[in-house]
Amino acid sequence: MSMYILSLLTICLCCVTSIPIKDAENSLLGRLEILEEKFKSYEKDMARLQYLESWYKNEHLKSSDITFAKRQITAHPGSAQVAFSAYLSAAIHNLQIGQLISFDRVAVNIGNGFDPTTGTFTCPVAGIYFVTVSLMSYLNNELKAELVQDGNNIAGVYTAGGSSSIDNQGSNSVVTRCEAGQKLLVRAFDISGSKIWGHPDYRWSTFSGFLLYPDVTEIVG
């Protein structure tokens, strides 16, 4: 079919321009080749445009999600505000391995994640948390404790009091990802019979943490 059309175009061109058929045919073929190359170039340009359109849509959606999440945080600040700080109001003697250190006094409990009856913090929203533990041991006494997240050790604290009326204090801090409902607690390990200082005013031994930022899906979804 294409050869038939080419032949007709060649005859028409010869009639109009009075040039030989062979020259007219070559001229038309050259023009068709040029058109074909331009068409291929247009196809490549269209493919690039489609790719850029797809990329823009994806990036725009990501940007929209982040913007929406920020608006949700501003509109509902309570959903993204979590912080707690608890301490021992009295000393604990004769700690046993695995015994929970129950921080019984609460200084801050934004989000109501900390339970002073058990000394356990339950993450109210999923996100990245900063958590810190500080413990003071008696003189002539060693103390080892671990920060536990859902049954797994994520940090340890060691402190040992001196022999000349010197108590000592040890601490550790971590940044951890916590799912909603996961629990954080502090318990003794490795050494039995340890003692921990506690005081209602001086707060020698503390357990604190706060939400650095929540998961976007937690806010948006």
N, C-alpha and C. Protein backbone atom coordinates (compact mmCIF):
# COMPACT_ATOMS: atom_id res chain seq x y z
N MET A 1 0.84 -1.20 0.00
CA MET A 1 0.00 0.00 0.00
C MET A 1 0.87 1.26 0.00
N SER A 2 1.94 1.21 0.87
CA SER A 2 2.81 2.38 0.95
C SER A 2 3.54 2.60 -0.37
N MET A 3 3.94 1.51 -1.04
CA MET A 3 4.62 1.64 -2.34
C MET A 3 3.66 2.21 -3.38
N TYR A 4 2.38 1.81 -3.29
CA TYR A 4 1.39 2.32 -4.23
C TYR A 4 1.23 3.83 -4.05
N ILE A 5 1.15 4.26 -2.78
CA ILE A 5 1.01 5.69 -2.51
C ILE A 5 2.25 6.44 -2.96
N LEU A 6 3.44 5.84 -2.69
CA LEU A 6 4.68 6.47 -3.12
C LEU A 6 4.72 6.64 -4.64
N SER A 7 4.23 5.65 -5.36
CA SER A 7 4.20 5.72 -6.83
C SER A 7 3.29 6.84 -7.29
N LEU A 8 2.11 6.96 -6.67
CA LEU A 8 1.18 8.02 -7.04
C LEU A 8 1.78 9.40 -6.76
N LEU A 9 2.42 9.52 -5.59
CA LEU A 9 3.05 10.80 -5.25
C LEU A 9 4.17 11.14 -6.22
N THR A 10 4.90 10.10 -6.65
CA THR A 10 6.01 10.32 -7.60
C THR A 10 5.47 10.83 -8.92
N ILE A 11 4.39 10.21 -9.41
CA ILE A 11 3.79 10.62 -10.69
C ILE A 11 3.28 12.05 -10.59
N CYS A 12 2.62 12.37 -9.45
CA CYS A 12 2.09 13.72 -9.28
C CYS A 12 3.22 14.75 -9.27
N LEU A 13 4.29 14.40 -8.57
CA LEU A 13 5.42 15.32 -8.49
C LEU A 13 6.05 15.53 -9.85
N CYS A 14 6.11 14.46 -10.66
CA CYS A 14 6.69 14.58 -12.00
C CYS A 14 5.84 15.47 -12.88
N CYS A 15 4.49 15.34 -12.75
CA CYS A 15 3.59 16.14 -13.57
C CYS A 15 3.69 17.61 -13.21
N VAL A 16 3.85 17.90 -11.89
CA VAL A 16 3.86 19.28 -11.45
C VAL A 16 5.21 19.95 -11.74
N THR A 17 6.30 19.19 -11.51
CA THR A 17 7.62 19.80 -11.60
C THR A 17 8.37 19.47 -12.89
N SER A 18 7.85 18.52 -13.63
CA SER A 18 8.47 18.09 -14.90
C SER A 18 9.88 17.56 -14.68
N ILE A 19 10.12 16.85 -13.55
CA ILE A 19 11.42 16.25 -13.32
C ILE A 19 11.30 14.76 -13.55
N PRO A 20 12.42 14.09 -13.85
CA PRO A 20 12.39 12.64 -14.12
C PRO A 20 11.80 11.87 -12.94
N ILE A 21 11.17 10.73 -13.28
CA ILE A 21 10.50 9.91 -12.25
C ILE A 21 11.50 9.44 -11.20
N LYS A 22 12.69 9.01 -11.62
CA LYS A 22 13.68 8.49 -10.67
C LYS A 22 14.09 9.56 -9.67
N ASP A 23 14.30 10.78 -10.17
CA ASP A 23 14.68 11.86 -9.27
C ASP A 23 13.55 12.20 -8.31
N ALA A 24 12.33 12.19 -8.84
CA ALA A 24 11.18 12.49 -7.99
C ALA A 24 11.03 11.43 -6.89
N GLU A 25 11.24 10.17 -7.28
CA GLU A 25 11.12 9.08 -6.30
C GLU A 25 12.18 9.22 -5.20
N ASN A 26 13.42 9.53 -5.62
CA ASN A 26 14.49 9.70 -4.63
C ASN A 26 14.20 10.87 -3.69
N SER A 27 13.64 11.93 -4.27
CA SER A 27 13.32 13.11 -3.46
C SER A 27 12.26 12.79 -2.42
N LEU A 28 11.25 12.03 -2.84
CA LEU A 28 10.18 11.67 -1.90
C LEU A 28 10.69 10.73 -0.82
N LEU A 29 11.54 9.79 -1.21
CA LEU A 29 12.10 8.86 -0.23
C LEU A 29 12.92 9.61 0.82
N GLY A 30 13.69 10.59 0.34
CA GLY A 30 14.48 11.39 1.28
C GLY A 30 13.61 12.14 2.26
N ARG A 31 12.52 12.71 1.73
CA ARG A 31 11.62 13.44 2.61
C ARG A 31 10.92 12.51 3.62
N LEU A 32 10.55 11.33 3.13
CA LEU A 32 9.92 10.36 4.03
C LEU A 32 10.88 9.91 5.14
N GLU A 33 12.15 9.73 4.81
CA GLU A 33 13.15 9.35 5.81
C GLU A 33 13.30 10.45 6.87
N ILE A 34 13.28 11.69 6.39
CA ILE A 34 13.38 12.81 7.33
C ILE A 34 12.18 12.83 8.27
N LEU A 35 10.98 12.62 7.69
CA LEU A 35 9.76 12.58 8.51
C LEU A 35 9.80 11.44 9.51
N GLU A 36 10.33 10.29 9.07
CA GLU A 36 10.42 9.13 9.95
C GLU A 36 11.35 9.41 11.13
N GLU A 37 12.49 10.07 10.87
CA GLU A 37 13.42 10.41 11.93
C GLU A 37 12.79 11.40 12.92
N LYS A 38 12.05 12.37 12.37
CA LYS A 38 11.38 13.33 13.24
C LYS A 38 10.33 12.64 14.10
N PHE A 39 9.62 11.69 13.50
CA PHE A 39 8.60 10.95 14.25
C PHE A 39 9.23 10.17 15.41
N LYS A 40 10.38 9.52 15.13
CA LYS A 40 11.07 8.79 16.19
C LYS A 40 11.52 9.73 17.30
N SER A 41 11.98 10.91 16.89
CA SER A 41 12.41 11.90 17.87
C SER A 41 11.23 12.35 18.74
N TYR A 42 10.06 12.55 18.09
CA TYR A 42 8.86 12.92 18.83
C TYR A 42 8.45 11.83 19.82
N GLU A 43 8.60 10.56 19.40
CA GLU A 43 8.27 9.44 20.28
C GLU A 43 9.14 9.46 21.53
N LYS A 44 10.45 9.72 21.34
CA LYS A 44 11.37 9.79 22.48
C LYS A 44 10.99 10.96 23.41
N ASP A 45 10.63 12.10 22.80
CA ASP A 45 10.22 13.25 23.60
C ASP A 45 8.96 12.94 24.40
N MET A 46 8.02 12.24 23.79
CA MET A 46 6.79 11.87 24.48
C MET A 46 7.08 10.93 25.65
N ALA A 47 8.00 9.99 25.44
CA ALA A 47 8.36 9.05 26.52
C ALA A 47 8.98 9.81 27.69
N ARG A 48 9.84 10.80 27.37
CA ARG A 48 10.45 11.59 28.43
C ARG A 48 9.39 12.39 29.18
N LEU A 49 8.45 12.97 28.44
CA LEU A 49 7.38 13.75 29.07
C LEU A 49 6.51 12.88 29.98
N GLN A 50 6.22 11.66 29.51
CA GLN A 50 5.42 10.75 30.34
C GLN A 50 6.15 10.38 31.61
N TYR A 51 7.47 10.14 31.50
CA TYR A 51 8.27 9.82 32.69
C TYR A 51 8.28 10.99 33.67
N LEU A 52 8.49 12.21 33.15
CA LEU A 52 8.51 13.38 34.00
C LEU A 52 7.16 13.62 34.66
N GLU A 53 6.09 13.37 33.91
CA GLU A 53 4.75 13.53 34.47
C GLU A 53 4.52 12.55 35.63
N SER A 54 4.95 11.28 35.43
CA SER A 54 4.81 10.27 36.47
C SER A 54 5.64 10.63 37.70
N TRP A 55 6.89 11.07 37.47
CA TRP A 55 7.76 11.46 38.58
C TRP A 55 7.17 12.63 39.36
N TYR A 56 6.66 13.62 38.62
CA TYR A 56 6.08 14.78 39.28
C TYR A 56 4.88 14.41 40.15
N LYS A 57 4.03 13.54 39.62
CA LYS A 57 2.85 13.12 40.38
C LYS A 57 3.26 12.42 41.66
N ASN A 58 4.27 11.52 41.57
CA ASN A 58 4.72 10.79 42.76
C ASN A 58 5.31 11.73 43.80
N GLU A 59 6.18 12.66 43.32
CA GLU A 59 6.80 13.60 44.25
C GLU A 59 5.76 14.53 44.85
N HIS A 60 4.79 14.93 44.05
CA HIS A 60 3.74 15.82 44.54
C HIS A 60 2.90 15.12 45.61
N LEU A 61 2.63 13.82 45.40
CA LEU A 61 1.87 13.07 46.39
C LEU A 61 2.64 12.96 47.69
N LYS A 62 3.98 12.68 47.59
CA LYS A 62 4.79 12.60 48.80
C LYS A 62 4.76 13.93 49.55
N SER A 63 4.93 15.01 48.79
CA SER A 63 4.92 16.32 49.40
C SER A 63 3.57 16.63 50.04
N SER A 64 2.49 16.20 49.38
CA SER A 64 1.14 16.43 49.91
C SER A 64 0.94 15.66 51.20
N ASP A 65 1.44 14.41 51.24
CA ASP A 65 1.32 13.59 52.45
C ASP A 65 2.02 14.25 53.63
N ILE A 66 3.25 14.74 53.38
CA ILE A 66 4.01 15.38 54.45
C ILE A 66 3.31 16.65 54.92
N THR A 67 2.82 17.44 53.95
CA THR A 67 2.12 18.67 54.30
C THR A 67 0.87 18.36 55.12
N PHE A 68 0.15 17.32 54.69
CA PHE A 68 -1.06 16.94 55.41
C PHE A 68 -0.73 16.49 56.83
N ALA A 69 0.35 15.72 56.96
CA ALA A 69 0.76 15.23 58.29
C ALA A 69 1.11 16.41 59.20
N LYS A 70 1.83 17.40 58.65
CA LYS A 70 2.18 18.57 59.45
C LYS A 70 0.92 19.32 59.89
N ARG A 71 -0.05 19.41 58.99
CA ARG A 71 -1.30 20.08 59.36
C ARG A 71 -2.03 19.32 60.45
N GLN A 72 -1.98 17.99 60.37
CA GLN A 72 -2.63 17.17 61.39
C GLN A 72 -1.95 17.36 62.74
N ILE A 73 -0.62 17.45 62.74
CA ILE A 73 0.10 17.66 63.99
C ILE A 73 -0.28 19.00 64.59
N THR A 74 -0.39 20.03 63.73
CA THR A 74 -0.75 21.36 64.21
C THR A 74 -2.18 21.39 64.72
N ALA A 75 -3.08 20.72 63.98
CA ALA A 75 -4.50 20.73 64.35
C ALA A 75 -4.78 19.85 65.56
N HIS A 76 -3.99 18.76 65.70
CA HIS A 76 -4.21 17.82 66.80
C HIS A 76 -2.89 17.59 67.53
N PRO A 77 -2.40 18.59 68.23
CA PRO A 77 -1.09 18.46 68.86
C PRO A 77 -1.01 17.34 69.88
N GLY A 78 -2.12 17.00 70.53
CA GLY A 78 -2.09 15.94 71.53
C GLY A 78 -1.68 14.60 70.97
N SER A 79 -1.94 14.39 69.65
CA SER A 79 -1.61 13.11 69.04
C SER A 79 -0.12 12.95 68.84
N ALA A 80 0.64 14.06 68.95
CA ALA A 80 2.08 13.99 68.69
C ALA A 80 2.89 14.47 69.89
N GLN A 81 2.26 14.60 71.07
CA GLN A 81 2.97 15.06 72.26
C GLN A 81 2.96 13.95 73.30
N VAL A 82 4.13 13.37 73.52
CA VAL A 82 4.27 12.31 74.51
C VAL A 82 5.56 12.56 75.29
N ALA A 83 5.47 12.56 76.60
CA ALA A 83 6.65 12.72 77.45
C ALA A 83 6.33 12.19 78.85
N PHE A 84 7.35 11.60 79.48
CA PHE A 84 7.15 11.14 80.86
C PHE A 84 8.46 11.27 81.63
N SER A 85 8.33 11.42 82.92
CA SER A 85 9.49 11.42 83.81
C SER A 85 9.02 10.92 85.17
N ALA A 86 9.67 9.85 85.65
CA ALA A 86 9.29 9.26 86.93
C ALA A 86 10.55 9.03 87.77
N TYR A 87 10.36 8.87 89.07
CA TYR A 87 11.52 8.70 89.95
C TYR A 87 11.14 7.85 91.17
N LEU A 88 12.17 7.39 91.86
CA LEU A 88 11.97 6.62 93.09
C LEU A 88 11.86 7.58 94.27
N SER A 89 10.80 7.45 95.03
CA SER A 89 10.62 8.33 96.19
C SER A 89 11.28 7.76 97.43
N ALA A 90 11.68 6.47 97.38
CA ALA A 90 12.34 5.83 98.52
C ALA A 90 13.31 4.78 98.00
N ALA A 91 14.26 4.42 98.82
CA ALA A 91 15.28 3.45 98.42
C ALA A 91 14.67 2.05 98.27
N ILE A 92 15.32 1.27 97.41
CA ILE A 92 14.96 -0.14 97.25
C ILE A 92 16.15 -0.97 97.69
N HIS A 93 15.92 -1.94 98.58
CA HIS A 93 17.00 -2.80 99.09
C HIS A 93 16.85 -4.22 98.57
N ASN A 94 17.94 -4.90 98.49
CA ASN A 94 17.96 -6.32 98.16
C ASN A 94 17.26 -6.63 96.83
N LEU A 95 17.64 -5.90 95.79
CA LEU A 95 17.10 -6.16 94.45
C LEU A 95 17.53 -7.54 93.96
N GLN A 96 16.61 -8.25 93.36
CA GLN A 96 16.90 -9.56 92.81
C GLN A 96 16.98 -9.50 91.29
N ILE A 97 17.71 -10.43 90.71
CA ILE A 97 17.86 -10.46 89.26
C ILE A 97 16.49 -10.59 88.60
N GLY A 98 16.22 -9.70 87.65
CA GLY A 98 14.94 -9.71 86.95
C GLY A 98 13.86 -8.91 87.63
N GLN A 99 14.14 -8.37 88.81
CA GLN A 99 13.12 -7.61 89.53
C GLN A 99 12.88 -6.26 88.86
N LEU A 100 11.62 -5.92 88.67
CA LEU A 100 11.22 -4.64 88.07
C LEU A 100 11.51 -3.50 89.03
N ILE A 101 12.15 -2.47 88.55
CA ILE A 101 12.38 -1.26 89.36
C ILE A 101 11.18 -0.34 89.14
N SER A 102 10.34 -0.26 90.14
CA SER A 102 9.08 0.45 89.99
C SER A 102 9.23 1.91 90.43
N PHE A 103 9.41 2.78 89.48
CA PHE A 103 9.50 4.22 89.75
C PHE A 103 8.10 4.72 90.12
N ASP A 104 7.95 5.06 91.39
CA ASP A 104 6.59 5.25 91.93
C ASP A 104 6.05 6.66 91.88
N ARG A 105 6.89 7.63 91.63
CA ARG A 105 6.43 9.02 91.57
C ARG A 105 6.54 9.55 90.13
N VAL A 106 5.53 10.29 89.72
CA VAL A 106 5.49 10.82 88.35
C VAL A 106 5.63 12.34 88.38
N ALA A 107 6.61 12.84 87.63
CA ALA A 107 6.79 14.29 87.51
C ALA A 107 6.08 14.82 86.27
N VAL A 108 6.17 14.06 85.18
CA VAL A 108 5.54 14.44 83.90
C VAL A 108 4.94 13.18 83.28
N ASN A 109 3.74 13.31 82.75
CA ASN A 109 3.11 12.15 82.10
C ASN A 109 2.17 12.62 80.98
N ILE A 110 2.75 13.30 79.99
CA ILE A 110 1.96 13.80 78.85
C ILE A 110 1.66 12.63 77.92
N GLY A 111 0.40 12.39 77.68
CA GLY A 111 0.00 11.24 76.86
C GLY A 111 -0.41 10.05 77.70
N ASN A 112 -0.21 10.15 79.03
CA ASN A 112 -0.61 9.10 79.98
C ASN A 112 -0.05 7.73 79.62
N GLY A 113 1.20 7.71 79.18
CA GLY A 113 1.80 6.42 78.82
C GLY A 113 2.47 5.72 79.99
N PHE A 114 2.79 6.47 81.06
CA PHE A 114 3.51 5.87 82.18
C PHE A 114 2.54 5.44 83.29
N ASP A 115 2.76 4.23 83.81
CA ASP A 115 1.95 3.68 84.90
C ASP A 115 2.81 3.57 86.15
N PRO A 116 2.62 4.43 87.16
CA PRO A 116 3.46 4.40 88.35
C PRO A 116 3.23 3.16 89.23
N THR A 117 2.11 2.47 89.03
CA THR A 117 1.87 1.27 89.84
C THR A 117 2.76 0.11 89.40
N THR A 118 3.21 0.15 88.15
CA THR A 118 4.08 -0.91 87.64
C THR A 118 5.45 -0.39 87.23
N GLY A 119 5.58 0.93 87.11
CA GLY A 119 6.84 1.50 86.65
C GLY A 119 7.10 1.27 85.18
N THR A 120 6.02 1.03 84.43
CA THR A 120 6.13 0.68 83.01
C THR A 120 5.57 1.80 82.13
N PHE A 121 6.28 2.09 81.05
CA PHE A 121 5.80 3.06 80.06
C PHE A 121 5.29 2.31 78.84
N THR A 122 4.07 2.61 78.42
CA THR A 122 3.48 2.02 77.22
C THR A 122 3.39 3.09 76.15
N CYS A 123 4.03 2.87 75.02
CA CYS A 123 4.06 3.87 73.94
C CYS A 123 2.64 4.10 73.41
N PRO A 124 2.09 5.30 73.55
CA PRO A 124 0.73 5.54 73.08
C PRO A 124 0.61 5.68 71.56
N VAL A 125 1.71 6.13 70.92
CA VAL A 125 1.71 6.25 69.45
C VAL A 125 3.03 5.71 68.92
N ALA A 126 3.01 5.21 67.71
CA ALA A 126 4.24 4.71 67.09
C ALA A 126 5.14 5.88 66.70
N GLY A 127 6.44 5.69 66.86
CA GLY A 127 7.35 6.75 66.48
C GLY A 127 8.74 6.51 67.05
N ILE A 128 9.56 7.55 66.98
CA ILE A 128 10.93 7.51 67.49
C ILE A 128 10.96 8.20 68.86
N TYR A 129 11.49 7.47 69.84
CA TYR A 129 11.50 7.96 71.23
C TYR A 129 12.94 8.10 71.75
N PHE A 130 13.12 9.10 72.61
CA PHE A 130 14.35 9.23 73.38
C PHE A 130 14.03 8.77 74.80
N VAL A 131 14.85 7.84 75.34
CA VAL A 131 14.60 7.29 76.66
C VAL A 131 15.91 7.31 77.46
N THR A 132 15.82 7.68 78.74
CA THR A 132 17.00 7.75 79.58
C THR A 132 16.72 7.19 80.97
N VAL A 133 17.73 6.55 81.55
CA VAL A 133 17.62 5.96 82.89
C VAL A 133 18.84 6.41 83.70
N SER A 134 18.59 6.82 84.94
CA SER A 134 19.68 7.21 85.84
C SER A 134 19.43 6.58 87.20
N LEU A 135 20.44 5.87 87.75
CA LEU A 135 20.29 5.14 89.01
C LEU A 135 21.47 5.46 89.94
N MET A 136 21.17 5.60 91.22
CA MET A 136 22.23 5.83 92.20
C MET A 136 22.35 4.62 93.12
N SER A 137 23.56 4.11 93.22
CA SER A 137 23.82 2.94 94.06
C SER A 137 24.38 3.37 95.42
N TYR A 138 24.27 2.49 96.39
CA TYR A 138 24.82 2.72 97.73
C TYR A 138 26.34 2.53 97.72
N LEU A 139 26.98 3.03 98.75
CA LEU A 139 28.41 2.79 98.92
C LEU A 139 28.65 1.29 99.14
N ASN A 140 29.79 0.84 98.71
CA ASN A 140 30.16 -0.59 98.81
C ASN A 140 29.12 -1.50 98.15
N ASN A 141 28.52 -1.00 97.06
CA ASN A 141 27.43 -1.77 96.45
C ASN A 141 27.45 -1.61 94.94
N GLU A 142 27.33 -2.73 94.24
CA GLU A 142 27.25 -2.70 92.77
C GLU A 142 25.79 -2.82 92.34
N LEU A 143 25.50 -2.19 91.22
CA LEU A 143 24.13 -2.23 90.69
C LEU A 143 24.18 -2.33 89.17
N LYS A 144 23.47 -3.31 88.63
CA LYS A 144 23.30 -3.43 87.18
C LYS A 144 21.80 -3.46 86.87
N ALA A 145 21.42 -2.68 85.87
CA ALA A 145 20.02 -2.66 85.45
C ALA A 145 19.96 -2.59 83.94
N GLU A 146 18.84 -2.99 83.39
CA GLU A 146 18.67 -2.97 81.94
C GLU A 146 17.36 -2.29 81.56
N LEU A 147 17.42 -1.55 80.48
CA LEU A 147 16.22 -0.96 79.90
C LEU A 147 15.68 -1.97 78.89
N VAL A 148 14.41 -2.33 79.07
CA VAL A 148 13.82 -3.41 78.29
C VAL A 148 12.65 -2.88 77.46
N GLN A 149 12.64 -3.25 76.19
CA GLN A 149 11.52 -2.88 75.30
C GLN A 149 10.87 -4.16 74.80
N ASP A 150 9.65 -4.38 75.21
CA ASP A 150 8.90 -5.58 74.82
C ASP A 150 9.72 -6.86 75.05
N GLY A 151 10.36 -6.95 76.20
CA GLY A 151 11.10 -8.15 76.57
C GLY A 151 12.53 -8.20 76.10
N ASN A 152 12.96 -7.20 75.32
CA ASN A 152 14.32 -7.20 74.77
C ASN A 152 15.16 -6.08 75.38
N ASN A 153 16.38 -6.43 75.78
CA ASN A 153 17.30 -5.45 76.34
C ASN A 153 17.75 -4.47 75.25
N ILE A 154 17.59 -3.16 75.50
CA ILE A 154 18.05 -2.17 74.52
C ILE A 154 19.12 -1.25 75.10
N ALA A 155 19.38 -1.36 76.44
CA ALA A 155 20.44 -0.55 77.05
C ALA A 155 20.70 -1.08 78.46
N GLY A 156 21.90 -0.82 78.96
CA GLY A 156 22.26 -1.24 80.31
C GLY A 156 22.80 -0.07 81.12
N VAL A 157 22.64 -0.16 82.45
CA VAL A 157 23.16 0.85 83.36
C VAL A 157 23.99 0.13 84.43
N TYR A 158 25.18 0.64 84.68
CA TYR A 158 26.04 0.08 85.73
C TYR A 158 26.55 1.19 86.62
N THR A 159 26.50 0.94 87.92
CA THR A 159 27.07 1.89 88.87
C THR A 159 27.55 1.13 90.11
N ALA A 160 28.60 1.63 90.75
CA ALA A 160 29.15 0.98 91.94
C ALA A 160 29.59 2.05 92.93
N GLY A 161 29.05 1.97 94.16
CA GLY A 161 29.43 2.92 95.20
C GLY A 161 30.83 2.63 95.73
N GLY A 162 31.51 3.67 96.18
CA GLY A 162 32.86 3.50 96.70
C GLY A 162 32.87 2.97 98.12
N SER A 163 34.04 2.80 98.66
CA SER A 163 34.19 2.23 100.01
C SER A 163 34.36 3.28 101.09
N SER A 164 34.39 4.54 100.73
CA SER A 164 34.64 5.61 101.71
C SER A 164 33.46 6.58 101.76
N SER A 165 32.31 6.03 102.11
CA SER A 165 31.09 6.85 102.23
C SER A 165 30.75 7.57 100.94
N ILE A 166 31.02 6.91 99.82
CA ILE A 166 30.74 7.53 98.52
C ILE A 166 29.71 6.69 97.77
N ASP A 167 28.58 7.28 97.51
CA ASP A 167 27.61 6.65 96.63
C ASP A 167 28.00 6.97 95.19
N ASN A 168 27.34 6.34 94.24
CA ASN A 168 27.69 6.59 92.84
C ASN A 168 26.43 6.52 91.98
N GLN A 169 26.52 7.16 90.83
CA GLN A 169 25.36 7.23 89.95
C GLN A 169 25.76 6.84 88.53
N GLY A 170 24.93 6.01 87.91
CA GLY A 170 25.16 5.62 86.52
C GLY A 170 23.93 5.89 85.68
N SER A 171 24.14 6.12 84.40
CA SER A 171 23.00 6.43 83.52
C SER A 171 23.28 5.96 82.10
N ASN A 172 22.22 5.89 81.32
CA ASN A 172 22.34 5.55 79.91
C ASN A 172 21.11 6.09 79.17
N SER A 173 21.31 6.40 77.91
CA SER A 173 20.22 6.95 77.09
C SER A 173 20.23 6.30 75.72
N VAL A 174 19.04 6.15 75.15
CA VAL A 174 18.92 5.55 73.82
C VAL A 174 17.86 6.29 73.01
N VAL A 175 17.95 6.13 71.71
CA VAL A 175 16.88 6.54 70.79
C VAL A 175 16.36 5.25 70.17
N THR A 176 15.07 5.01 70.30
CA THR A 176 14.51 3.75 69.85
C THR A 176 13.18 3.96 69.13
N ARG A 177 12.91 3.08 68.17
CA ARG A 177 11.62 3.10 67.50
C ARG A 177 10.65 2.23 68.29
N CYS A 178 9.50 2.78 68.58
CA CYS A 178 8.52 2.07 69.41
C CYS A 178 7.18 2.03 68.70
N GLU A 179 6.61 0.84 68.60
CA GLU A 179 5.26 0.70 68.05
C GLU A 179 4.24 1.03 69.13
N ALA A 180 3.07 1.48 68.72
CA ALA A 180 2.01 1.76 69.67
C ALA A 180 1.68 0.50 70.46
N GLY A 181 1.67 0.62 71.78
CA GLY A 181 1.37 -0.53 72.63
C GLY A 181 2.58 -1.25 73.17
N GLN A 182 3.76 -0.99 72.62
CA GLN A 182 4.97 -1.62 73.15
C GLN A 182 5.33 -1.00 74.51
N LYS A 183 5.96 -1.83 75.36
CA LYS A 183 6.24 -1.41 76.73
C LYS A 183 7.73 -1.24 76.97
N LEU A 184 8.06 -0.24 77.78
CA LEU A 184 9.43 0.03 78.21
C LEU A 184 9.48 -0.03 79.73
N LEU A 185 10.49 -0.71 80.26
CA LEU A 185 10.63 -0.82 81.71
C LEU A 185 12.10 -1.00 82.07
N VAL A 186 12.40 -0.87 83.36
CA VAL A 186 13.76 -1.02 83.86
C VAL A 186 13.75 -2.14 84.91
N ARG A 187 14.71 -3.06 84.80
CA ARG A 187 14.78 -4.15 85.78
C ARG A 187 16.24 -4.48 86.09
N ALA A 188 16.43 -5.06 87.28
CA ALA A 188 17.77 -5.45 87.72
C ALA A 188 18.22 -6.70 86.96
N PHE A 189 19.54 -6.82 86.75
CA PHE A 189 20.04 -8.05 86.13
C PHE A 189 21.47 -8.32 86.60
N ASP A 190 21.85 -9.56 86.52
CA ASP A 190 23.22 -10.02 86.74
C ASP A 190 23.68 -10.03 88.19
N ILE A 191 23.16 -9.13 89.04
CA ILE A 191 23.61 -9.04 90.43
C ILE A 191 22.40 -9.06 91.36
N SER A 192 22.43 -9.89 92.38
CA SER A 192 21.39 -9.92 93.41
C SER A 192 21.84 -9.17 94.65
N GLY A 193 20.86 -8.61 95.39
CA GLY A 193 21.17 -7.92 96.64
C GLY A 193 21.56 -6.47 96.49
N SER A 194 21.38 -5.88 95.31
CA SER A 194 21.75 -4.48 95.10
C SER A 194 20.78 -3.54 95.80
N LYS A 195 21.25 -2.31 96.00
CA LYS A 195 20.44 -1.27 96.62
C LYS A 195 20.42 -0.04 95.71
N ILE A 196 19.27 0.63 95.68
CA ILE A 196 19.13 1.85 94.87
C ILE A 196 18.65 2.98 95.76
N TRP A 197 19.31 4.11 95.63
CA TRP A 197 18.86 5.29 96.35
C TRP A 197 17.58 5.84 95.73
N GLY A 198 16.69 6.31 96.60
CA GLY A 198 15.49 7.00 96.16
C GLY A 198 15.18 8.10 97.14
N HIS A 199 14.58 9.19 96.68
CA HIS A 199 14.27 10.31 97.58
C HIS A 199 13.15 11.14 96.95
N PRO A 200 12.19 11.59 97.77
CA PRO A 200 11.06 12.35 97.21
C PRO A 200 11.43 13.73 96.68
N ASP A 201 12.54 14.29 97.15
CA ASP A 201 12.92 15.64 96.73
C ASP A 201 14.10 15.64 95.75
N TYR A 202 15.11 14.82 96.01
CA TYR A 202 16.33 14.87 95.21
C TYR A 202 16.28 14.00 93.95
N ARG A 203 15.38 13.07 93.94
CA ARG A 203 15.17 12.26 92.71
C ARG A 203 16.49 11.68 92.18
N TRP A 204 17.17 10.92 93.04
CA TRP A 204 18.46 10.35 92.65
C TRP A 204 18.33 9.36 91.49
N SER A 205 17.22 8.65 91.45
CA SER A 205 17.04 7.59 90.44
C SER A 205 15.80 7.90 89.60
N THR A 206 15.99 8.04 88.29
CA THR A 206 14.89 8.48 87.42
C THR A 206 14.77 7.62 86.16
N PHE A 207 13.59 7.69 85.57
CA PHE A 207 13.27 7.00 84.32
C PHE A 207 12.44 7.97 83.50
N SER A 208 12.96 8.42 82.36
CA SER A 208 12.29 9.47 81.58
C SER A 208 12.37 9.18 80.09
N GLY A 209 11.50 9.84 79.35
CA GLY A 209 11.52 9.69 77.89
C GLY A 209 10.52 10.61 77.24
N PHE A 210 10.68 10.77 75.93
CA PHE A 210 9.72 11.58 75.19
C PHE A 210 9.75 11.19 73.71
N LEU A 211 8.67 11.51 73.04
CA LEU A 211 8.53 11.22 71.61
C LEU A 211 9.26 12.29 70.82
N LEU A 212 10.23 11.85 70.01
CA LEU A 212 10.92 12.81 69.13
C LEU A 212 10.03 13.19 67.97
N TYR A 213 9.48 12.17 67.28
CA TYR A 213 8.49 12.43 66.23
C TYR A 213 7.70 11.16 65.94
N PRO A 214 6.42 11.29 65.64
CA PRO A 214 5.59 10.12 65.37
C PRO A 214 5.72 9.65 63.93
N ASP A 215 5.29 8.42 63.68
CA ASP A 215 5.19 7.95 62.31
C ASP A 215 4.14 8.76 61.58
N VAL A 216 4.42 9.13 60.31
CA VAL A 216 3.44 9.88 59.53
C VAL A 216 2.17 9.07 59.37
N THR A 217 2.31 7.75 59.16
CA THR A 217 1.13 6.88 58.98
C THR A 217 0.27 6.86 60.24
N GLU A 218 0.92 7.04 61.39
CA GLU A 218 0.17 7.05 62.65
C GLU A 218 -0.75 8.24 62.72
N ILE A 219 -0.30 9.37 62.13
CA ILE A 219 -1.09 10.61 62.17
C ILE A 219 -2.10 10.64 61.03
N VAL A 220 -1.63 10.34 59.83
CA VAL A 220 -2.48 10.43 58.65
C VAL A 220 -3.53 9.34 58.64
N GLY A 221 -3.08 8.10 58.95
CA GLY A 221 -3.98 6.96 58.85
C GLY A 221 -4.92 6.85 60.00
